[in-house]
N, C-alpha and C. Protein backbone atom coordinates (compact mmCIF):
# COMPACT_ATOMS: atom_id res chain seq x y z
N UNK A 1 0.86 -1.16 0.00
CA UNK A 1 0.00 0.00 0.00
C UNK A 1 0.90 1.22 0.00
N UNK A 2 0.72 2.11 -0.97
CA UNK A 2 1.49 3.35 -1.02
C UNK A 2 0.74 4.44 -0.26
N UNK A 3 1.44 5.11 0.64
CA UNK A 3 0.85 6.18 1.45
C UNK A 3 1.65 7.46 1.20
N UNK A 4 0.94 8.49 0.79
CA UNK A 4 1.59 9.79 0.58
C UNK A 4 1.44 10.61 1.85
N UNK A 5 2.54 11.09 2.38
CA UNK A 5 2.57 11.88 3.60
C UNK A 5 3.03 13.28 3.22
N UNK A 6 2.30 14.30 3.69
CA UNK A 6 2.70 15.65 3.33
C UNK A 6 2.43 16.62 4.47
N UNK A 7 3.12 17.74 4.44
CA UNK A 7 2.94 18.82 5.39
C UNK A 7 2.50 20.03 4.58
N UNK A 8 1.22 20.32 4.60
CA UNK A 8 0.65 21.42 3.84
C UNK A 8 1.11 22.74 4.45
N UNK A 9 1.87 23.51 3.69
CA UNK A 9 2.42 24.77 4.21
C UNK A 9 1.32 25.78 4.53
N UNK A 10 0.13 25.60 3.98
CA UNK A 10 -0.98 26.53 4.23
C UNK A 10 -1.63 26.31 5.59
N UNK A 11 -1.26 25.25 6.31
CA UNK A 11 -1.88 24.95 7.60
C UNK A 11 -1.13 25.56 8.78
N UNK A 12 -0.03 26.25 8.52
CA UNK A 12 0.75 26.85 9.61
C UNK A 12 1.04 28.31 9.30
N UNK A 13 1.32 29.07 10.32
CA UNK A 13 1.66 30.47 10.17
C UNK A 13 3.02 30.62 9.49
N UNK A 14 3.16 31.65 8.68
CA UNK A 14 4.46 31.92 8.04
C UNK A 14 5.53 32.24 9.08
N UNK A 15 5.10 32.76 10.23
CA UNK A 15 6.05 33.08 11.30
C UNK A 15 6.67 31.83 11.92
N UNK A 16 6.08 30.68 11.67
CA UNK A 16 6.60 29.43 12.23
C UNK A 16 7.98 29.12 11.66
N UNK A 17 8.20 29.54 10.42
CA UNK A 17 9.48 29.25 9.78
C UNK A 17 9.48 27.87 9.16
N UNK A 18 10.64 27.38 8.81
CA UNK A 18 10.76 26.11 8.12
C UNK A 18 11.21 24.96 8.99
N UNK A 19 11.03 25.09 10.29
CA UNK A 19 11.44 24.00 11.19
C UNK A 19 10.65 22.73 10.91
N UNK A 20 11.30 21.62 11.12
CA UNK A 20 10.67 20.32 10.88
C UNK A 20 9.61 20.03 11.95
N UNK A 21 8.56 19.34 11.53
CA UNK A 21 7.51 18.87 12.43
C UNK A 21 7.69 17.37 12.58
N UNK A 22 7.75 16.90 13.82
CA UNK A 22 7.92 15.48 14.10
C UNK A 22 6.55 14.88 14.37
N UNK A 23 6.12 13.91 13.58
CA UNK A 23 4.78 13.34 13.75
C UNK A 23 4.68 12.49 15.01
N UNK A 24 3.46 12.33 15.46
CA UNK A 24 3.19 11.43 16.59
C UNK A 24 3.43 9.99 16.14
N UNK A 25 3.57 9.11 17.13
CA UNK A 25 3.69 7.69 16.80
C UNK A 25 2.40 7.22 16.15
N UNK A 26 2.51 6.30 15.22
CA UNK A 26 1.35 5.83 14.46
C UNK A 26 1.10 4.34 14.69
N UNK A 27 -0.17 3.99 14.60
CA UNK A 27 -0.59 2.60 14.62
C UNK A 27 -1.17 2.33 13.23
N UNK A 28 -0.65 1.32 12.55
CA UNK A 28 -1.08 1.01 11.18
C UNK A 28 -1.65 -0.39 11.16
N UNK A 29 -2.85 -0.53 10.59
CA UNK A 29 -3.51 -1.84 10.47
C UNK A 29 -4.27 -1.90 9.16
N UNK A 30 -4.42 -3.10 8.66
CA UNK A 30 -5.29 -3.34 7.52
C UNK A 30 -6.42 -4.22 8.03
N UNK A 31 -7.65 -3.86 7.71
CA UNK A 31 -8.83 -4.59 8.17
C UNK A 31 -9.52 -5.20 6.97
N UNK A 32 -10.27 -6.28 7.19
CA UNK A 32 -11.07 -6.84 6.10
C UNK A 32 -12.51 -7.03 6.56
N UNK A 33 -13.38 -7.38 5.62
CA UNK A 33 -14.81 -7.53 5.93
C UNK A 33 -15.11 -8.66 6.89
N UNK A 34 -14.20 -9.61 7.02
CA UNK A 34 -14.42 -10.74 7.93
C UNK A 34 -14.04 -10.37 9.37
N UNK A 35 -13.60 -9.11 9.58
CA UNK A 35 -13.23 -8.68 10.92
C UNK A 35 -11.79 -8.99 11.30
N UNK A 36 -11.02 -9.47 10.34
CA UNK A 36 -9.61 -9.78 10.62
C UNK A 36 -8.77 -8.51 10.52
N UNK A 37 -7.69 -8.49 11.30
CA UNK A 37 -6.77 -7.36 11.34
C UNK A 37 -5.38 -7.85 10.97
N UNK A 38 -4.68 -7.07 10.13
CA UNK A 38 -3.34 -7.42 9.69
C UNK A 38 -2.40 -6.26 10.00
N UNK A 39 -1.25 -6.59 10.53
CA UNK A 39 -0.21 -5.60 10.81
C UNK A 39 0.77 -5.58 9.65
N UNK A 40 1.51 -4.48 9.48
CA UNK A 40 2.53 -4.46 8.42
C UNK A 40 3.52 -5.61 8.59
N UNK A 41 3.98 -6.14 7.48
CA UNK A 41 4.89 -7.28 7.48
C UNK A 41 6.34 -6.81 7.43
N UNK A 42 7.11 -7.02 8.51
CA UNK A 42 8.52 -6.65 8.48
C UNK A 42 9.28 -7.43 7.40
N UNK A 43 8.91 -8.70 7.19
CA UNK A 43 9.57 -9.51 6.17
C UNK A 43 9.27 -8.97 4.78
N UNK A 44 8.03 -8.57 4.54
CA UNK A 44 7.65 -8.00 3.25
C UNK A 44 8.37 -6.69 2.99
N UNK A 45 8.50 -5.86 4.01
CA UNK A 45 9.21 -4.59 3.87
C UNK A 45 10.69 -4.84 3.56
N UNK A 46 11.30 -5.80 4.26
CA UNK A 46 12.71 -6.13 3.98
C UNK A 46 12.88 -6.62 2.54
N UNK A 47 11.93 -7.42 2.05
CA UNK A 47 11.99 -7.90 0.67
C UNK A 47 11.89 -6.75 -0.31
N UNK A 48 10.99 -5.81 -0.06
CA UNK A 48 10.85 -4.64 -0.92
C UNK A 48 12.13 -3.81 -0.91
N UNK A 49 12.68 -3.59 0.26
CA UNK A 49 13.90 -2.79 0.36
C UNK A 49 15.11 -3.50 -0.24
N UNK A 50 15.11 -4.84 -0.21
CA UNK A 50 16.23 -5.58 -0.80
C UNK A 50 16.25 -5.44 -2.32
N UNK A 51 15.14 -5.01 -2.92
CA UNK A 51 15.08 -4.78 -4.36
C UNK A 51 15.49 -3.35 -4.70
N UNK A 52 16.09 -2.66 -3.72
CA UNK A 52 16.59 -1.31 -3.96
C UNK A 52 15.55 -0.23 -3.79
N UNK A 53 14.53 -0.49 -2.97
CA UNK A 53 13.47 0.50 -2.77
C UNK A 53 13.34 0.82 -1.28
N UNK A 54 14.32 1.54 -0.69
CA UNK A 54 14.20 1.87 0.74
C UNK A 54 12.98 2.75 0.98
N UNK A 55 12.27 2.48 2.05
CA UNK A 55 11.03 3.18 2.36
C UNK A 55 11.21 4.09 3.57
N UNK A 56 10.84 5.37 3.43
CA UNK A 56 10.93 6.26 4.59
C UNK A 56 9.90 5.84 5.64
N UNK A 57 10.24 5.93 6.91
CA UNK A 57 9.28 5.56 7.96
C UNK A 57 8.22 6.65 8.14
N UNK A 58 7.06 6.27 8.66
CA UNK A 58 6.01 7.25 8.93
C UNK A 58 6.42 8.23 10.02
N UNK A 59 7.51 7.96 10.71
CA UNK A 59 8.01 8.85 11.76
C UNK A 59 8.94 9.92 11.22
N UNK A 60 9.17 9.95 9.92
CA UNK A 60 10.09 10.92 9.32
C UNK A 60 9.56 12.35 9.52
N UNK A 61 10.40 13.26 10.03
CA UNK A 61 9.96 14.65 10.20
C UNK A 61 9.84 15.35 8.85
N UNK A 62 8.94 16.33 8.78
CA UNK A 62 8.71 17.09 7.55
C UNK A 62 8.76 18.58 7.83
N UNK A 63 9.23 19.32 6.86
CA UNK A 63 9.18 20.78 6.89
C UNK A 63 7.95 21.22 6.08
N UNK A 64 7.44 22.42 6.32
CA UNK A 64 6.28 22.89 5.55
C UNK A 64 6.53 22.78 4.05
N UNK A 65 5.56 22.18 3.36
CA UNK A 65 5.64 22.02 1.91
C UNK A 65 6.27 20.71 1.47
N UNK A 66 6.88 19.96 2.37
CA UNK A 66 7.52 18.68 2.00
C UNK A 66 6.50 17.55 1.95
N UNK A 67 6.84 16.52 1.18
CA UNK A 67 5.99 15.32 1.08
C UNK A 67 6.87 14.14 0.71
N UNK A 68 6.39 12.95 0.98
CA UNK A 68 7.07 11.73 0.56
C UNK A 68 6.04 10.62 0.43
N UNK A 69 6.42 9.56 -0.26
CA UNK A 69 5.57 8.38 -0.38
C UNK A 69 6.32 7.23 0.26
N UNK A 70 5.62 6.48 1.08
CA UNK A 70 6.20 5.27 1.65
C UNK A 70 5.25 4.11 1.35
N UNK A 71 5.79 2.94 1.26
CA UNK A 71 4.98 1.76 0.98
C UNK A 71 4.95 0.86 2.20
N UNK A 72 3.76 0.39 2.49
CA UNK A 72 3.54 -0.54 3.60
C UNK A 72 3.21 -1.89 2.99
N UNK A 73 3.75 -2.95 3.55
CA UNK A 73 3.55 -4.29 3.02
C UNK A 73 2.78 -5.11 4.04
N UNK A 74 1.74 -5.80 3.56
CA UNK A 74 0.93 -6.67 4.40
C UNK A 74 0.85 -8.04 3.76
N UNK A 75 0.89 -9.09 4.57
CA UNK A 75 0.67 -10.45 4.09
C UNK A 75 -0.79 -10.80 4.36
N UNK A 76 -1.55 -10.97 3.28
CA UNK A 76 -2.99 -11.24 3.40
C UNK A 76 -3.34 -12.58 2.78
N UNK A 77 -4.35 -13.24 3.33
CA UNK A 77 -4.84 -14.46 2.67
C UNK A 77 -5.59 -14.08 1.39
N UNK A 78 -5.71 -15.00 0.47
CA UNK A 78 -6.35 -14.73 -0.82
C UNK A 78 -7.82 -14.35 -0.67
N UNK A 79 -8.46 -14.77 0.43
CA UNK A 79 -9.89 -14.49 0.60
C UNK A 79 -10.18 -13.17 1.33
N UNK A 80 -9.17 -12.35 1.57
CA UNK A 80 -9.37 -11.07 2.27
C UNK A 80 -10.12 -10.11 1.33
N UNK A 81 -11.33 -9.74 1.71
CA UNK A 81 -12.17 -8.84 0.91
C UNK A 81 -12.49 -7.59 1.72
N UNK A 82 -12.82 -6.52 1.02
CA UNK A 82 -13.19 -5.29 1.70
C UNK A 82 -12.05 -4.72 2.52
N UNK A 83 -10.88 -4.69 1.94
CA UNK A 83 -9.69 -4.25 2.67
C UNK A 83 -9.73 -2.74 2.91
N UNK A 84 -9.38 -2.36 4.16
CA UNK A 84 -9.35 -0.96 4.55
C UNK A 84 -8.10 -0.69 5.38
N UNK A 85 -7.44 0.44 5.08
CA UNK A 85 -6.24 0.84 5.80
C UNK A 85 -6.62 1.81 6.90
N UNK A 86 -6.14 1.54 8.10
CA UNK A 86 -6.39 2.40 9.25
C UNK A 86 -5.04 2.87 9.78
N UNK A 87 -4.87 4.19 9.83
CA UNK A 87 -3.66 4.79 10.40
C UNK A 87 -4.13 5.74 11.49
N UNK A 88 -3.71 5.47 12.72
CA UNK A 88 -4.14 6.28 13.86
C UNK A 88 -2.94 6.72 14.67
N UNK A 89 -3.12 7.83 15.38
CA UNK A 89 -2.08 8.26 16.32
C UNK A 89 -2.09 7.31 17.50
N UNK A 90 -0.91 7.01 17.99
CA UNK A 90 -0.77 6.02 19.06
C UNK A 90 -0.68 6.67 20.45
N UNK A 91 -0.49 7.98 20.50
CA UNK A 91 -0.31 8.65 21.79
C UNK A 91 -1.61 8.64 22.60
N UNK A 92 -1.52 8.25 23.85
CA UNK A 92 -2.67 8.12 24.73
C UNK A 92 -3.44 9.43 24.89
N UNK A 93 -2.76 10.55 24.91
CA UNK A 93 -3.41 11.84 25.13
C UNK A 93 -4.49 12.12 24.08
N UNK A 94 -4.36 11.57 22.88
CA UNK A 94 -5.35 11.82 21.82
C UNK A 94 -6.72 11.26 22.17
N UNK A 95 -6.79 10.30 23.08
CA UNK A 95 -8.07 9.73 23.48
C UNK A 95 -8.89 10.70 24.33
N UNK A 96 -8.23 11.74 24.84
CA UNK A 96 -8.90 12.70 25.72
C UNK A 96 -9.16 14.04 25.04
N UNK A 97 -8.80 14.18 23.77
CA UNK A 97 -9.02 15.43 23.04
C UNK A 97 -10.39 15.39 22.37
N UNK A 98 -11.25 16.31 22.72
CA UNK A 98 -12.60 16.36 22.17
C UNK A 98 -12.53 16.56 20.66
N UNK A 99 -13.23 15.72 19.92
CA UNK A 99 -13.27 15.82 18.48
C UNK A 99 -12.14 15.10 17.77
N UNK A 100 -11.15 14.61 18.49
CA UNK A 100 -10.05 13.89 17.86
C UNK A 100 -10.55 12.52 17.39
N UNK A 101 -9.96 12.03 16.32
CA UNK A 101 -10.38 10.73 15.78
C UNK A 101 -10.28 9.61 16.81
N UNK A 102 -9.37 9.71 17.75
CA UNK A 102 -9.21 8.67 18.77
C UNK A 102 -10.10 8.87 19.99
N UNK A 103 -10.86 9.97 20.04
CA UNK A 103 -11.69 10.23 21.21
C UNK A 103 -12.90 9.28 21.21
N UNK A 104 -13.48 9.09 22.39
CA UNK A 104 -14.65 8.20 22.48
C UNK A 104 -15.78 8.69 21.57
N UNK A 105 -16.51 7.75 21.02
CA UNK A 105 -17.68 8.00 20.18
C UNK A 105 -17.35 8.52 18.77
N UNK A 106 -16.08 8.71 18.46
CA UNK A 106 -15.71 9.15 17.10
C UNK A 106 -15.39 7.90 16.29
N UNK A 107 -16.05 7.72 15.15
CA UNK A 107 -15.78 6.52 14.36
C UNK A 107 -14.39 6.56 13.74
N UNK A 108 -13.81 5.41 13.56
CA UNK A 108 -12.50 5.31 12.91
C UNK A 108 -12.66 5.64 11.43
N UNK A 109 -11.67 6.31 10.87
CA UNK A 109 -11.67 6.64 9.46
C UNK A 109 -10.65 5.73 8.77
N UNK A 110 -11.15 4.87 7.90
CA UNK A 110 -10.28 3.92 7.20
C UNK A 110 -10.38 4.18 5.70
N UNK A 111 -9.31 3.87 4.97
CA UNK A 111 -9.24 4.08 3.53
C UNK A 111 -9.34 2.75 2.80
N UNK A 112 -10.23 2.66 1.81
CA UNK A 112 -10.34 1.44 1.01
C UNK A 112 -9.03 1.18 0.29
N UNK A 113 -8.66 -0.09 0.21
CA UNK A 113 -7.41 -0.49 -0.43
C UNK A 113 -7.73 -1.49 -1.54
N UNK A 114 -7.15 -1.28 -2.70
CA UNK A 114 -7.32 -2.22 -3.80
C UNK A 114 -8.48 -1.84 -4.68
N UNK A 115 -8.65 -2.64 -5.73
CA UNK A 115 -9.72 -2.38 -6.70
C UNK A 115 -10.52 -3.66 -6.90
N UNK A 116 -11.13 -4.12 -5.83
CA UNK A 116 -11.91 -5.36 -5.89
C UNK A 116 -13.11 -5.22 -6.79
N UNK A 117 -13.46 -6.32 -7.39
CA UNK A 117 -14.68 -6.39 -8.21
C UNK A 117 -15.58 -7.42 -7.61
N UNK A 118 -16.86 -7.26 -7.83
CA UNK A 118 -17.82 -8.24 -7.32
C UNK A 118 -17.62 -9.57 -8.03
N UNK A 119 -17.90 -10.64 -7.30
CA UNK A 119 -17.79 -11.98 -7.89
C UNK A 119 -18.85 -12.14 -8.97
N UNK A 120 -18.54 -12.86 -10.08
CA UNK A 120 -19.52 -13.04 -11.16
C UNK A 120 -20.73 -13.84 -10.74
């Protein structure tokens, strides 16, 4: 799964300058319609990187206007349908921030993955 990470320069004051922003720790999971959860595969990532494609970590700091693409690798069974990517902040304090995605009663926001077609 390719994930584009960016720091929109329009979201911060110009007085902030070009200092790097360090992201919070992230929790990454892939979910399917059967209720199964998959974590990124360290072996799959090593295989991808061994082909000469080093991947920047989601913890990489960014300056305003910068962006990068990183690839996440998951090992899934052939019958995994309705795949959705969930990326959430891992810091406990986010559970107490009103309106934050991790706060109580806020639904998780997941991104559909793949281009599945209905069975014939």
